[in-house]
N, C-alpha and C. Protein backbone atom coordinates (compact mmCIF):
# COMPACT_ATOMS: atom_id res chain seq x y z
N MET A 1 9.15 1.71 14.71
CA MET A 1 9.08 1.76 13.25
C MET A 1 10.17 0.88 12.68
N LEU A 2 9.80 0.07 11.72
CA LEU A 2 10.71 -0.87 11.09
C LEU A 2 11.55 -0.20 10.00
N GLU A 3 12.63 -0.86 9.63
CA GLU A 3 13.39 -0.48 8.44
C GLU A 3 12.55 -0.96 7.26
N LEU A 4 12.14 -0.05 6.40
CA LEU A 4 11.28 -0.42 5.28
C LEU A 4 12.07 -0.96 4.10
N PRO A 5 11.53 -1.95 3.42
CA PRO A 5 12.19 -2.45 2.21
C PRO A 5 12.11 -1.38 1.11
N PRO A 6 12.98 -1.47 0.12
CA PRO A 6 12.93 -0.48 -0.96
C PRO A 6 11.64 -0.63 -1.77
N LEU A 7 11.21 0.47 -2.36
CA LEU A 7 10.02 0.41 -3.20
C LEU A 7 10.44 0.01 -4.61
N ASN A 8 10.29 -1.28 -4.89
CA ASN A 8 10.62 -1.82 -6.21
C ASN A 8 9.74 -3.04 -6.47
N THR A 9 9.86 -3.62 -7.65
CA THR A 9 8.98 -4.74 -8.01
C THR A 9 9.25 -5.98 -7.16
N ASN A 10 10.48 -6.16 -6.70
CA ASN A 10 10.76 -7.29 -5.80
C ASN A 10 9.94 -7.17 -4.52
N THR A 11 9.86 -5.96 -4.00
CA THR A 11 9.06 -5.72 -2.79
C THR A 11 7.58 -5.96 -3.07
N ILE A 12 7.11 -5.50 -4.22
CA ILE A 12 5.70 -5.71 -4.58
C ILE A 12 5.39 -7.21 -4.65
N TRP A 13 6.27 -7.98 -5.31
CA TRP A 13 6.07 -9.44 -5.36
C TRP A 13 6.11 -10.05 -3.96
N SER A 14 6.98 -9.54 -3.10
CA SER A 14 7.06 -10.06 -1.73
C SER A 14 5.78 -9.78 -0.95
N ILE A 15 5.14 -8.67 -1.25
CA ILE A 15 3.84 -8.37 -0.63
C ILE A 15 2.81 -9.39 -1.12
N LEU A 16 2.75 -9.58 -2.43
CA LEU A 16 1.77 -10.50 -3.01
C LEU A 16 1.99 -11.95 -2.56
N ASN A 17 3.25 -12.33 -2.41
CA ASN A 17 3.59 -13.70 -2.00
C ASN A 17 3.61 -13.88 -0.48
N GLU A 18 3.20 -12.85 0.24
CA GLU A 18 3.12 -12.87 1.70
C GLU A 18 4.46 -13.16 2.37
N GLU A 19 5.51 -12.64 1.79
CA GLU A 19 6.86 -12.79 2.34
C GLU A 19 7.23 -11.62 3.23
N ILE A 20 6.42 -10.58 3.23
CA ILE A 20 6.63 -9.41 4.07
C ILE A 20 5.47 -9.36 5.07
N GLU A 21 5.81 -9.10 6.32
CA GLU A 21 4.80 -9.04 7.39
C GLU A 21 3.76 -7.95 7.12
N ASP A 22 2.55 -8.18 7.60
CA ASP A 22 1.47 -7.22 7.44
C ASP A 22 1.84 -5.84 7.97
N ASP A 23 2.48 -5.79 9.14
CA ASP A 23 2.89 -4.50 9.73
C ASP A 23 3.80 -3.72 8.78
N THR A 24 4.71 -4.42 8.14
CA THR A 24 5.64 -3.77 7.22
C THR A 24 4.91 -3.26 5.98
N VAL A 25 3.97 -4.05 5.47
CA VAL A 25 3.19 -3.62 4.31
C VAL A 25 2.40 -2.37 4.66
N ASN A 26 1.75 -2.37 5.82
CA ASN A 26 1.03 -1.18 6.28
C ASN A 26 1.97 0.02 6.34
N GLN A 27 3.14 -0.18 6.94
CA GLN A 27 4.08 0.94 7.11
C GLN A 27 4.60 1.47 5.78
N LEU A 28 4.76 0.59 4.81
CA LEU A 28 5.17 1.04 3.46
C LEU A 28 4.12 1.99 2.89
N VAL A 29 2.86 1.59 2.94
CA VAL A 29 1.80 2.44 2.40
C VAL A 29 1.70 3.73 3.21
N TRP A 30 1.78 3.61 4.54
CA TRP A 30 1.73 4.82 5.37
C TRP A 30 2.82 5.80 4.96
N HIS A 31 4.02 5.26 4.76
CA HIS A 31 5.16 6.12 4.41
C HIS A 31 4.88 6.88 3.11
N TYR A 32 4.40 6.17 2.09
CA TYR A 32 4.18 6.82 0.81
C TYR A 32 2.92 7.67 0.77
N LEU A 33 2.04 7.49 1.75
CA LEU A 33 0.91 8.41 1.92
C LEU A 33 1.37 9.69 2.62
N GLY A 34 2.51 9.61 3.33
CA GLY A 34 3.06 10.79 4.00
C GLY A 34 3.11 10.71 5.51
N TYR A 35 2.62 9.65 6.10
CA TYR A 35 2.68 9.51 7.56
C TYR A 35 4.13 9.27 7.99
N ARG A 36 4.53 9.92 9.09
CA ARG A 36 5.87 9.72 9.63
C ARG A 36 5.77 9.52 11.14
N TYR A 37 6.57 8.57 11.63
CA TYR A 37 6.58 8.29 13.07
C TYR A 37 7.67 9.12 13.72
N ASN A 38 7.30 9.88 14.73
CA ASN A 38 8.25 10.70 15.47
C ASN A 38 8.72 9.92 16.69
N GLN A 39 9.97 9.50 16.65
CA GLN A 39 10.53 8.69 17.75
C GLN A 39 10.50 9.44 19.09
N SER A 40 10.80 10.73 19.05
CA SER A 40 10.89 11.46 20.32
C SER A 40 9.54 11.65 20.99
N THR A 41 8.47 11.84 20.19
CA THR A 41 7.14 12.00 20.80
C THR A 41 6.38 10.68 20.86
N GLN A 42 6.91 9.64 20.16
CA GLN A 42 6.25 8.34 20.10
C GLN A 42 4.85 8.45 19.49
N GLN A 43 4.71 9.36 18.48
CA GLN A 43 3.42 9.56 17.84
C GLN A 43 3.59 9.68 16.33
N TRP A 44 2.50 9.38 15.63
CA TRP A 44 2.49 9.55 14.18
C TRP A 44 2.18 10.99 13.85
N GLU A 45 2.89 11.51 12.85
CA GLU A 45 2.65 12.86 12.35
C GLU A 45 2.05 12.75 10.96
N SER A 46 1.13 13.66 10.67
CA SER A 46 0.43 13.58 9.39
C SER A 46 0.54 14.87 8.57
N ASP A 47 1.52 15.72 8.89
CA ASP A 47 1.64 16.99 8.18
C ASP A 47 1.99 16.83 6.70
N ARG A 48 2.48 15.67 6.28
CA ARG A 48 2.79 15.41 4.86
C ARG A 48 1.68 14.65 4.13
N VAL A 49 0.64 14.30 4.87
CA VAL A 49 -0.48 13.53 4.32
C VAL A 49 -1.46 14.51 3.67
N THR A 50 -2.01 14.13 2.50
CA THR A 50 -2.97 15.01 1.85
C THR A 50 -4.18 15.23 2.74
N GLU A 51 -4.81 16.37 2.54
CA GLU A 51 -5.97 16.72 3.36
C GLU A 51 -7.08 15.68 3.24
N LYS A 52 -7.26 15.13 2.02
CA LYS A 52 -8.28 14.10 1.81
C LYS A 52 -8.10 12.91 2.74
N TRP A 53 -6.86 12.48 2.90
CA TRP A 53 -6.57 11.35 3.79
C TRP A 53 -6.62 11.77 5.24
N CYS A 54 -6.02 12.90 5.54
CA CYS A 54 -5.88 13.34 6.93
C CYS A 54 -7.23 13.60 7.61
N GLU A 55 -8.19 14.11 6.87
CA GLU A 55 -9.51 14.37 7.45
C GLU A 55 -10.13 13.08 7.99
N GLU A 56 -10.03 12.03 7.18
CA GLU A 56 -10.64 10.75 7.56
C GLU A 56 -9.74 9.91 8.46
N TYR A 57 -8.44 10.00 8.20
CA TYR A 57 -7.46 9.18 8.94
C TYR A 57 -6.32 10.05 9.45
N PRO A 58 -6.53 10.77 10.57
CA PRO A 58 -5.44 11.59 11.12
C PRO A 58 -4.25 10.73 11.59
N SER A 59 -4.54 9.47 11.93
CA SER A 59 -3.50 8.49 12.25
C SER A 59 -3.54 7.43 11.16
N PRO A 60 -2.41 6.78 10.89
CA PRO A 60 -2.40 5.80 9.80
C PRO A 60 -3.33 4.62 10.09
N PRO A 61 -4.18 4.27 9.11
CA PRO A 61 -5.13 3.17 9.31
C PRO A 61 -4.49 1.81 9.05
N ASP A 62 -5.07 0.80 9.64
CA ASP A 62 -4.63 -0.57 9.40
C ASP A 62 -5.36 -1.08 8.16
N PHE A 63 -4.68 -1.06 7.03
CA PHE A 63 -5.29 -1.47 5.77
C PHE A 63 -5.58 -2.97 5.72
N ILE A 64 -4.81 -3.76 6.44
CA ILE A 64 -5.00 -5.21 6.43
C ILE A 64 -6.24 -5.60 7.23
N ALA A 65 -6.44 -4.97 8.36
CA ALA A 65 -7.52 -5.37 9.26
C ALA A 65 -8.88 -4.76 8.91
N TYR A 66 -8.87 -3.61 8.23
CA TYR A 66 -10.13 -2.89 8.01
C TYR A 66 -10.35 -2.57 6.54
N ARG A 67 -11.53 -2.87 6.08
CA ARG A 67 -11.87 -2.70 4.67
C ARG A 67 -12.00 -1.23 4.24
N PRO A 68 -12.65 -0.33 5.01
CA PRO A 68 -12.86 1.03 4.52
C PRO A 68 -11.60 1.78 4.07
N PRO A 69 -10.49 1.74 4.82
CA PRO A 69 -9.33 2.46 4.30
C PRO A 69 -8.75 1.83 3.02
N THR A 70 -8.90 0.52 2.89
CA THR A 70 -8.43 -0.15 1.68
C THR A 70 -9.30 0.26 0.48
N MET A 71 -10.58 0.43 0.72
CA MET A 71 -11.46 0.90 -0.36
C MET A 71 -11.08 2.32 -0.77
N LYS A 72 -10.70 3.14 0.19
CA LYS A 72 -10.26 4.51 -0.13
C LYS A 72 -8.97 4.46 -0.96
N LEU A 73 -8.08 3.53 -0.65
CA LEU A 73 -6.87 3.35 -1.46
C LEU A 73 -7.25 2.99 -2.90
N THR A 74 -8.16 2.04 -3.05
CA THR A 74 -8.60 1.61 -4.38
C THR A 74 -9.16 2.80 -5.16
N ARG A 75 -10.00 3.58 -4.52
CA ARG A 75 -10.62 4.73 -5.20
C ARG A 75 -9.60 5.79 -5.58
N SER A 76 -8.47 5.84 -4.87
CA SER A 76 -7.47 6.86 -5.15
C SER A 76 -6.57 6.51 -6.35
N ILE A 77 -6.67 5.28 -6.84
CA ILE A 77 -5.87 4.86 -8.00
C ILE A 77 -6.61 5.27 -9.26
N PRO A 78 -5.96 6.03 -10.15
CA PRO A 78 -6.62 6.40 -11.41
C PRO A 78 -7.01 5.17 -12.22
N ARG A 79 -8.10 5.29 -12.94
CA ARG A 79 -8.64 4.17 -13.72
C ARG A 79 -7.57 3.49 -14.58
N GLU A 80 -6.72 4.28 -15.22
CA GLU A 80 -5.71 3.70 -16.12
C GLU A 80 -4.64 2.89 -15.38
N ASN A 81 -4.59 3.01 -14.07
CA ASN A 81 -3.59 2.27 -13.28
C ASN A 81 -4.19 1.17 -12.41
N LYS A 82 -5.47 0.93 -12.54
CA LYS A 82 -6.14 -0.06 -11.68
C LYS A 82 -5.66 -1.49 -11.93
N GLN A 83 -5.14 -1.78 -13.13
CA GLN A 83 -4.70 -3.13 -13.47
C GLN A 83 -3.18 -3.26 -13.55
N LEU A 84 -2.46 -2.42 -12.82
CA LEU A 84 -1.00 -2.44 -12.91
C LEU A 84 -0.39 -3.77 -12.49
N LEU A 85 -0.97 -4.44 -11.50
CA LEU A 85 -0.40 -5.73 -11.09
C LEU A 85 -0.37 -6.69 -12.27
N LYS A 86 -1.45 -6.70 -13.00
CA LYS A 86 -1.56 -7.59 -14.16
C LYS A 86 -0.71 -7.07 -15.33
N GLU A 87 -0.85 -5.80 -15.64
CA GLU A 87 -0.20 -5.23 -16.82
C GLU A 87 1.32 -5.09 -16.66
N ALA A 88 1.77 -4.63 -15.51
CA ALA A 88 3.20 -4.37 -15.32
C ALA A 88 3.96 -5.58 -14.80
N LEU A 89 3.28 -6.42 -13.98
CA LEU A 89 3.97 -7.55 -13.36
C LEU A 89 3.52 -8.90 -13.89
N GLY A 90 2.41 -8.93 -14.60
CA GLY A 90 1.89 -10.22 -15.07
C GLY A 90 1.25 -11.03 -13.95
N PHE A 91 0.85 -10.36 -12.87
CA PHE A 91 0.21 -11.05 -11.75
C PHE A 91 -1.12 -11.61 -12.20
N LYS A 92 -1.31 -12.90 -12.00
CA LYS A 92 -2.53 -13.58 -12.45
C LYS A 92 -3.66 -13.48 -11.44
N GLY A 93 -3.36 -13.01 -10.25
CA GLY A 93 -4.37 -12.94 -9.21
C GLY A 93 -4.39 -14.22 -8.39
N TYR A 94 -5.27 -14.25 -7.44
CA TYR A 94 -5.45 -15.43 -6.60
C TYR A 94 -6.60 -16.26 -7.17
N LYS A 95 -6.59 -17.54 -6.93
CA LYS A 95 -7.66 -18.41 -7.41
C LYS A 95 -8.93 -18.18 -6.61
N ILE A 96 -10.04 -18.12 -7.31
CA ILE A 96 -11.34 -17.93 -6.66
C ILE A 96 -11.56 -19.06 -5.66
N GLY A 97 -11.99 -18.67 -4.48
CA GLY A 97 -12.24 -19.65 -3.43
C GLY A 97 -11.00 -20.01 -2.62
N GLU A 98 -9.83 -19.55 -3.08
CA GLU A 98 -8.59 -19.88 -2.38
C GLU A 98 -7.87 -18.65 -1.83
N PHE A 99 -8.56 -17.51 -1.83
CA PHE A 99 -7.92 -16.32 -1.27
C PHE A 99 -8.81 -15.70 -0.21
N SER A 100 -8.18 -14.95 0.66
CA SER A 100 -8.87 -14.35 1.79
C SER A 100 -8.98 -12.84 1.61
N PRO A 101 -9.83 -12.19 2.41
CA PRO A 101 -9.89 -10.73 2.37
C PRO A 101 -8.52 -10.10 2.64
N ARG A 102 -7.74 -10.73 3.51
CA ARG A 102 -6.40 -10.24 3.82
C ARG A 102 -5.54 -10.20 2.56
N GLN A 103 -5.58 -11.27 1.77
CA GLN A 103 -4.79 -11.31 0.53
C GLN A 103 -5.30 -10.27 -0.47
N ALA A 104 -6.61 -10.10 -0.55
CA ALA A 104 -7.17 -9.10 -1.46
C ALA A 104 -6.71 -7.71 -1.05
N ARG A 105 -6.67 -7.44 0.25
CA ARG A 105 -6.23 -6.13 0.73
C ARG A 105 -4.74 -5.92 0.46
N ARG A 106 -3.95 -6.98 0.62
CA ARG A 106 -2.52 -6.88 0.31
C ARG A 106 -2.32 -6.60 -1.18
N ALA A 107 -3.14 -7.23 -2.03
CA ALA A 107 -3.04 -6.98 -3.47
C ALA A 107 -3.42 -5.53 -3.79
N THR A 108 -4.44 -5.01 -3.13
CA THR A 108 -4.81 -3.61 -3.31
C THR A 108 -3.66 -2.70 -2.91
N MET A 109 -3.04 -3.00 -1.79
CA MET A 109 -1.92 -2.19 -1.32
C MET A 109 -0.74 -2.27 -2.30
N ALA A 110 -0.49 -3.46 -2.81
CA ALA A 110 0.60 -3.64 -3.79
C ALA A 110 0.30 -2.83 -5.05
N ASN A 111 -0.95 -2.87 -5.50
CA ASN A 111 -1.32 -2.10 -6.69
C ASN A 111 -1.21 -0.60 -6.44
N TRP A 112 -1.60 -0.17 -5.24
CA TRP A 112 -1.48 1.25 -4.91
C TRP A 112 -0.01 1.67 -4.92
N LEU A 113 0.86 0.83 -4.38
CA LEU A 113 2.29 1.13 -4.39
C LEU A 113 2.84 1.17 -5.82
N LEU A 114 2.39 0.26 -6.68
CA LEU A 114 2.79 0.29 -8.09
C LEU A 114 2.32 1.59 -8.74
N ASN A 115 1.09 1.99 -8.44
CA ASN A 115 0.58 3.26 -8.95
C ASN A 115 1.47 4.41 -8.48
N TYR A 116 1.86 4.37 -7.21
CA TYR A 116 2.75 5.41 -6.68
C TYR A 116 4.06 5.42 -7.48
N MET A 117 4.61 4.24 -7.71
CA MET A 117 5.85 4.14 -8.48
C MET A 117 5.67 4.76 -9.86
N LYS A 118 4.60 4.42 -10.53
CA LYS A 118 4.36 4.92 -11.88
C LYS A 118 4.18 6.43 -11.90
N THR A 119 3.39 6.95 -10.97
CA THR A 119 3.12 8.38 -10.98
C THR A 119 4.29 9.22 -10.45
N HIS A 120 5.26 8.58 -9.81
CA HIS A 120 6.45 9.28 -9.32
C HIS A 120 7.71 8.87 -10.09
N ASP A 121 7.50 8.30 -11.27
CA ASP A 121 8.61 7.93 -12.17
C ASP A 121 9.67 7.04 -11.52
N ILE A 122 9.20 6.10 -10.69
CA ILE A 122 10.09 5.08 -10.13
C ILE A 122 10.01 3.89 -11.08
N VAL A 123 11.13 3.40 -11.54
CA VAL A 123 11.17 2.36 -12.55
C VAL A 123 10.44 1.11 -12.09
N ILE A 124 9.52 0.65 -12.95
CA ILE A 124 8.80 -0.60 -12.71
C ILE A 124 9.39 -1.63 -13.67
N GLY A 125 9.89 -2.69 -13.12
CA GLY A 125 10.43 -3.73 -13.99
C GLY A 125 11.75 -4.27 -13.51
């Protein structure tokens, strides 16, 4: 398990700008979903993960490699927070034809983390 960067807008921008490795981005989302890695057993624990997530993903999913868990992340963001990247950060998005599914999934993860920040009163800005 890596040392995770702090949850702030600099980290969100680093995700969008691909300055943070995919593994680290996955681990950030896993952490805030409630997954914890137990060093002594060398296994992921999910006792802090909501039942909705745990039923489908007892182990943390790879959001970058697989679309279904990323879609579940998208659906878990309340409608009023779906545009946080644009509204809170001024993110213009990627140019059509110049972005990959990987970048779209990273943007979804970044937006989910912004939603987490907003709903847990972590300062955005």
